[in-house]
Protein backbone atom coordinates (compact mmCIF):
# COMPACT_ATOMS: atom_id res chain seq x y z
CA UNK A 1 -18.13 -47.26 27.99
CA UNK A 2 -19.70 -44.54 29.93
CA UNK A 3 -22.89 -46.55 30.53
CA UNK A 4 -21.07 -49.73 31.67
CA UNK A 5 -19.10 -47.75 33.93
CA UNK A 6 -22.41 -46.14 35.74
CA UNK A 7 -24.19 -49.64 35.67
CA UNK A 8 -22.29 -50.37 38.90
CA UNK A 9 -23.81 -47.45 40.77
CA UNK A 10 -27.12 -47.25 39.07
CA UNK A 11 -29.42 -50.07 38.58
CA UNK A 12 -32.59 -48.41 37.07
CA UNK A 13 -32.18 -48.56 33.33
CA UNK A 14 -34.20 -45.41 32.63
CA UNK A 15 -32.33 -43.26 35.32
CA UNK A 16 -29.10 -44.87 33.99
CA UNK A 17 -29.69 -43.57 30.52
CA UNK A 18 -30.89 -40.10 31.68
CA UNK A 19 -27.60 -39.70 33.75
CA UNK A 20 -25.47 -40.85 30.99
CA UNK A 21 -27.08 -38.38 28.59
CA UNK A 22 -26.66 -35.45 31.08
CA UNK A 23 -23.07 -36.30 31.62
CA UNK A 24 -22.35 -36.24 27.81
CA UNK A 25 -24.16 -32.94 27.38
CA UNK A 26 -22.10 -31.54 30.29
CA UNK A 27 -18.91 -32.78 28.95
CA UNK A 28 -19.78 -31.70 25.38
CA UNK A 29 -20.52 -27.92 26.66
CA UNK A 30 -17.14 -27.90 28.88
CA UNK A 31 -15.01 -29.34 25.78
CA UNK A 32 -17.00 -26.67 23.52
CA UNK A 33 -16.19 -23.80 26.04
CA UNK A 34 -12.39 -25.01 26.15
CA UNK A 35 -12.13 -25.14 22.29
CA UNK A 36 -13.88 -21.75 21.82
CA UNK A 37 -11.45 -20.31 24.41
CA UNK A 38 -8.41 -21.67 22.54
CA UNK A 39 -9.55 -20.55 19.38
CA UNK A 40 -10.14 -16.89 20.72
CA UNK A 41 -6.97 -16.61 22.44
CA UNK A 42 -5.29 -17.80 19.43
CA UNK A 43 -6.93 -15.43 17.05
CA UNK A 44 -6.33 -12.52 19.59
CA UNK A 45 -2.61 -13.19 19.62
CA UNK A 46 -2.32 -13.02 15.92
CA UNK A 47 -4.61 -10.11 15.64
CA UNK A 48 -2.04 -7.93 17.59
CA UNK A 49 0.87 -8.87 15.08
CA UNK A 50 -1.21 -9.05 11.97
CA UNK A 51 -2.15 -6.55 9.42
CA UNK A 52 -5.50 -8.13 8.90
CA UNK A 53 -8.47 -5.88 9.92
CA UNK A 54 -11.19 -6.56 12.43
CA UNK A 55 -13.90 -7.65 9.94
CA UNK A 56 -11.62 -10.34 8.43
CA UNK A 57 -10.70 -11.55 12.04
CA UNK A 58 -14.46 -11.64 12.95
CA UNK A 59 -15.20 -13.68 9.80
CA UNK A 60 -12.41 -16.11 10.59
CA UNK A 61 -13.55 -16.57 14.26
CA UNK A 62 -17.27 -17.44 13.44
CA UNK A 63 -16.25 -19.75 10.93
CA UNK A 64 -13.79 -21.80 13.31
CA UNK A 65 -16.29 -21.51 16.22
CA UNK A 66 -19.10 -22.92 13.89
CA UNK A 67 -16.75 -25.79 12.74
CA UNK A 68 -15.85 -26.71 16.30
CA UNK A 69 -19.57 -26.49 17.52
CA UNK A 70 -20.45 -28.96 14.64
CA UNK A 71 -17.75 -31.38 15.47
CA UNK A 72 -18.51 -31.41 19.06
CA UNK A 73 -22.31 -31.84 18.57
CA UNK A 74 -21.99 -34.46 16.01
CA UNK A 75 -19.91 -36.46 18.50
CA UNK A 76 -22.41 -35.76 21.48
CA UNK A 77 -25.36 -36.78 19.46
CA UNK A 78 -23.53 -40.20 18.48
CA UNK A 79 -22.69 -41.08 22.06
CA UNK A 80 -26.39 -40.31 23.02
CA UNK A 81 -27.89 -42.40 20.21
CA UNK A 82 -25.69 -45.20 21.54
CA UNK A 83 -26.80 -44.78 24.96
CA UNK A 84 -30.45 -45.15 23.97
CA UNK A 85 -29.86 -48.33 22.06
CA UNK A 86 -29.51 -47.00 18.56
CA UNK A 87 -26.67 -48.60 16.59
CA UNK A 88 -24.74 -45.40 15.09
CA UNK A 89 -22.42 -47.68 13.03
CA UNK A 90 -24.83 -48.56 10.33
CA UNK A 91 -26.00 -44.76 10.20
CA UNK A 92 -22.35 -43.62 9.91
CA UNK A 93 -21.93 -46.34 6.97
CA UNK A 94 -24.93 -45.24 5.14
CA UNK A 95 -24.05 -41.64 5.88
CA UNK A 96 -20.33 -42.20 4.59
CA UNK A 97 -21.90 -43.67 1.14
CA UNK A 98 -24.12 -40.88 0.98
CA UNK A 99 -21.36 -38.34 2.04
CA UNK A 100 -19.11 -39.38 -1.09
CA UNK A 101 -21.87 -38.76 -3.43
CA UNK A 102 -22.67 -35.40 -2.00
CA UNK A 103 -18.93 -34.61 -2.04
CA UNK A 104 -18.88 -34.87 -5.58
CA UNK A 105 -21.77 -32.49 -6.08
CA UNK A 106 -20.48 -30.02 -3.62
CA UNK A 107 -16.91 -29.64 -4.69
CA UNK A 108 -17.72 -26.09 -5.76
CA UNK A 109 -18.76 -25.30 -2.21
CA UNK A 110 -15.51 -26.73 -0.80
CA UNK A 111 -13.67 -24.85 -3.23
CA UNK A 112 -15.38 -21.68 -2.15
CA UNK A 113 -14.76 -22.37 1.39
CA UNK A 114 -11.03 -22.91 0.83
CA UNK A 115 -10.36 -19.93 -1.43
CA UNK A 116 -12.43 -17.86 1.02
CA UNK A 117 -10.06 -18.87 4.03
CA UNK A 118 -7.03 -17.91 1.83
CA UNK A 119 -8.45 -14.56 0.90
CA UNK A 120 -9.09 -13.78 4.49
CA UNK A 121 -5.74 -14.98 5.65
CA UNK A 122 -3.61 -13.33 2.96
CA UNK A 123 -5.74 -10.28 3.31
CA UNK A 124 -6.12 -9.92 -0.33
CA UNK A 125 -9.08 -7.59 -0.23
CA UNK A 126 -11.03 -5.72 2.56
CA UNK A 127 -14.29 -4.21 3.18
CA UNK A 128 -14.36 -0.85 1.69
CA UNK A 129 -11.77 -1.48 -0.96
CA UNK A 130 -12.50 -0.54 -4.53
CA UNK A 131 -11.64 -3.66 -6.55
CA UNK A 132 -11.96 -5.52 -9.87
CA UNK A 133 -12.31 -9.22 -9.54
CA UNK A 134 -14.14 -11.76 -12.06
CA UNK A 135 -15.01 -9.22 -14.38
CA UNK A 136 -16.72 -7.03 -11.77
CA UNK A 137 -15.35 -3.78 -10.48
CA UNK A 138 -16.87 -1.89 -7.54
CA UNK A 139 -16.46 -1.63 -3.76
CA UNK A 140 -16.11 -4.53 -1.64
CA UNK A 141 -19.29 -4.61 0.89
CA UNK A 142 -18.19 -8.23 2.58
CA UNK A 143 -15.82 -11.07 2.60
CA UNK A 144 -17.26 -14.28 3.50
CA UNK A 145 -16.06 -17.87 3.45
CA UNK A 146 -18.25 -18.80 0.58
CA UNK A 147 -18.52 -15.54 -1.55
CA UNK A 148 -17.50 -12.01 -1.78
CA UNK A 149 -20.17 -9.26 -2.21
CA UNK A 150 -19.16 -6.19 -4.57
CA UNK A 151 -21.47 -3.10 -5.37
CA UNK A 152 -20.60 -1.59 -8.63
CA UNK A 153 -20.91 2.04 -9.65
CA UNK A 154 -24.42 1.82 -10.80
CA UNK A 155 -25.41 0.36 -7.28
CA UNK A 156 -25.83 -3.14 -8.27
CA UNK A 157 -24.70 -5.86 -5.77
CA UNK A 158 -22.63 -8.71 -7.18
CA UNK A 159 -22.33 -12.04 -5.11
CA UNK A 160 -19.08 -13.48 -6.39
CA UNK A 161 -18.54 -17.25 -5.40
CA UNK A 162 -14.71 -17.26 -3.71
CA UNK A 163 -13.74 -19.97 -6.35
CA UNK A 164 -14.31 -17.51 -9.18
CA UNK A 165 -11.79 -15.32 -8.01
CA UNK A 166 -8.60 -15.96 -9.62
CA UNK A 167 -6.86 -12.68 -9.55
CA UNK A 168 -7.66 -9.25 -7.90
CA UNK A 169 -6.95 -5.82 -9.09
CA UNK A 170 -7.22 -3.63 -6.01
CA UNK A 171 -7.17 0.18 -6.19
CA UNK A 172 -6.62 0.92 -2.46
CA UNK A 173 -3.29 -0.61 -1.96
CA UNK A 174 -0.11 1.45 -2.34
CA UNK A 175 0.33 4.50 -4.50
CA UNK A 176 -1.77 5.19 -7.28
CA UNK A 177 -1.53 7.23 -10.42
CA UNK A 178 -4.04 10.20 -11.33
CA UNK A 179 -3.40 10.82 -15.23
CA UNK A 180 -4.96 13.25 -17.58
CA UNK A 181 -5.01 13.88 -21.48
CA UNK A 182 -5.45 17.03 -23.39
CA UNK A 183 -4.89 17.76 -26.80
CA UNK A 184 -3.52 21.13 -28.17
CA UNK A 185 -2.87 22.36 -31.78
CA UNK A 186 0.37 22.21 -33.48
CA UNK A 187 0.86 25.75 -33.38
CA UNK A 188 0.83 25.77 -29.62
CA UNK A 189 4.52 25.44 -28.62
CA UNK A 190 5.72 23.06 -26.12
CA UNK A 191 7.08 25.62 -23.65
CA UNK A 192 3.71 26.84 -23.41
CA UNK A 193 2.22 23.64 -22.64
CA UNK A 194 4.84 22.83 -19.98
CA UNK A 195 3.99 26.28 -18.17
CA UNK A 196 0.45 25.43 -18.22
CA UNK A 197 1.16 21.76 -16.56
CA UNK A 198 3.37 23.61 -13.88
CA UNK A 199 0.72 26.18 -13.24
CA UNK A 200 -1.86 23.60 -12.53
CA UNK A 201 0.41 21.66 -10.65
CA UNK A 202 1.17 24.58 -8.22
CA UNK A 203 -2.53 25.37 -7.85
CA UNK A 204 -3.02 21.65 -6.72
CA UNK A 205 -0.26 21.77 -4.16
CA UNK A 206 -1.26 24.96 -2.91
CA UNK A 207 -5.04 23.86 -2.45
CA UNK A 208 -5.73 22.63 1.13
CA UNK A 209 -8.09 20.06 0.13
CA UNK A 210 -5.83 18.36 -2.24
CA UNK A 211 -2.16 18.99 -1.58
CA UNK A 212 -1.91 16.22 1.17
CA UNK A 213 -2.91 13.58 -1.31
CA UNK A 214 0.09 14.02 -3.59
CA UNK A 215 3.30 11.57 -3.29
CA UNK A 216 4.73 13.10 -6.43
CA UNK A 217 3.20 16.29 -8.00
CA UNK A 218 1.60 16.69 -11.43
CA UNK A 219 4.05 16.93 -14.38
CA UNK A 220 4.31 16.41 -18.00
CA UNK A 221 4.86 12.62 -18.87
CA UNK A 222 4.59 12.35 -22.61
CA UNK A 223 3.44 13.58 -26.05
CA UNK A 224 0.79 10.56 -26.30
CA UNK A 225 -0.53 10.76 -29.79
CA UNK A 226 -0.50 12.79 -33.11
CA UNK A 227 -3.85 13.64 -34.81
CA UNK A 228 -4.29 15.47 -38.11
CA UNK A 229 -4.78 18.60 -36.34
CA UNK A 230 -3.18 18.34 -32.83
CA UNK A 231 -1.03 16.49 -30.62
CA UNK A 232 -2.15 14.95 -27.22
CA UNK A 233 -0.52 15.61 -23.84
CA UNK A 234 -0.31 13.04 -20.98
CA UNK A 235 0.27 14.40 -17.49
CA UNK A 236 0.62 12.28 -14.52
CA UNK A 237 0.72 12.36 -10.54
CA UNK A 238 1.35 9.82 -7.80
CA UNK A 239 -1.32 10.04 -5.34
CA UNK A 240 -2.44 8.28 -2.16
CA UNK A 241 -4.58 5.06 -2.64
CA UNK A 242 -8.24 5.65 -2.97
CA UNK A 243 -7.76 9.54 -3.82
CA UNK A 244 -6.84 8.94 -7.56
CA UNK A 245 -10.40 9.55 -8.89
CA UNK A 246 -11.19 12.63 -6.96
CA UNK A 247 -7.61 14.00 -7.86
CA UNK A 248 -8.11 13.21 -11.53
CA UNK A 249 -11.35 14.99 -11.83
CA UNK A 250 -9.65 18.16 -10.16
CA UNK A 251 -6.85 17.87 -12.72
CA UNK A 252 -9.22 17.85 -15.57
CA UNK A 253 -11.03 20.78 -14.02
CA UNK A 254 -7.90 22.91 -13.63
CA UNK A 255 -6.47 21.97 -17.02
CA UNK A 256 -9.77 23.14 -18.81
CA UNK A 257 -9.81 26.43 -16.69
CA UNK A 258 -6.10 27.15 -17.49
CA UNK A 259 -6.76 26.40 -21.45
CA UNK A 260 -9.75 28.66 -21.44
CA UNK A 261 -7.75 31.27 -19.61
CA UNK A 262 -4.75 31.09 -21.94
CA UNK A 263 -6.79 30.65 -24.91
CA UNK A 264 -4.74 27.73 -26.16
CA UNK A 265 -6.03 26.28 -29.32
CA UNK A 266 -6.94 22.67 -29.61
CA UNK A 267 -9.01 20.80 -32.11
CA UNK A 268 -10.61 18.69 -29.39
CA UNK A 269 -10.52 18.44 -25.74
CA UNK A 270 -10.12 14.81 -24.54
CA UNK A 271 -9.16 14.56 -20.85
CA UNK A 272 -9.63 11.51 -18.74
CA UNK A 273 -8.38 9.95 -15.66
CA UNK A 274 -6.09 6.80 -15.72
CA UNK A 275 -6.32 3.65 -13.95
């Protein structure tokens, strides 16, 4: 269509082809610029009202721009091939048959891409979150369209295809529990245990470094277990997301110090943090 229109004004075939190709390239660049502008403006407007963080918007923006660039370049190349006399219909037909075969082999890639889009849009996980996905627990280093990268406690980097992420346990959303357990002998009265717990709780709330992490103070929760020589106490507190491990370590330290100070008898000391 473009070439036939220009034939009325340009008689030389070579010059005609060159001019036609230049027009296609210019129009493609203009169209791509318009698409990029629309994508950017749309994302910027969504960003102002969304809870998605900047990293996720950046990932989504790059993906949409790459897709738009691919589509525009594909059509531009098709038009240029037609201008220079190459029949693109047969090429597209062959590519279509090959594309079907490739599609069956690339299902997992498509699944990764679609799942990645939903992870980004739903804001399921963010860079810096401590999560457990696909049996791997660690800190999220990146969330991309094809995979999610998580570095575990030992320092190993795990690259997880997004299609394998069926459920997420996120330790950085909402409040968290900081628990601890300790054993005391049967001749230790429960009133003394309660007083011990209250003392540790007050120390935590008066500590400038830790007091602001608490949503609910440390308190007695239950007698968790009876053994032959002792019974197990569980204490619990509600803290801000991400602080549960640090607070739990401090709770264990203060409990041990207070147990030693009071000379509370126990057959064993078994203190650990909760999830």
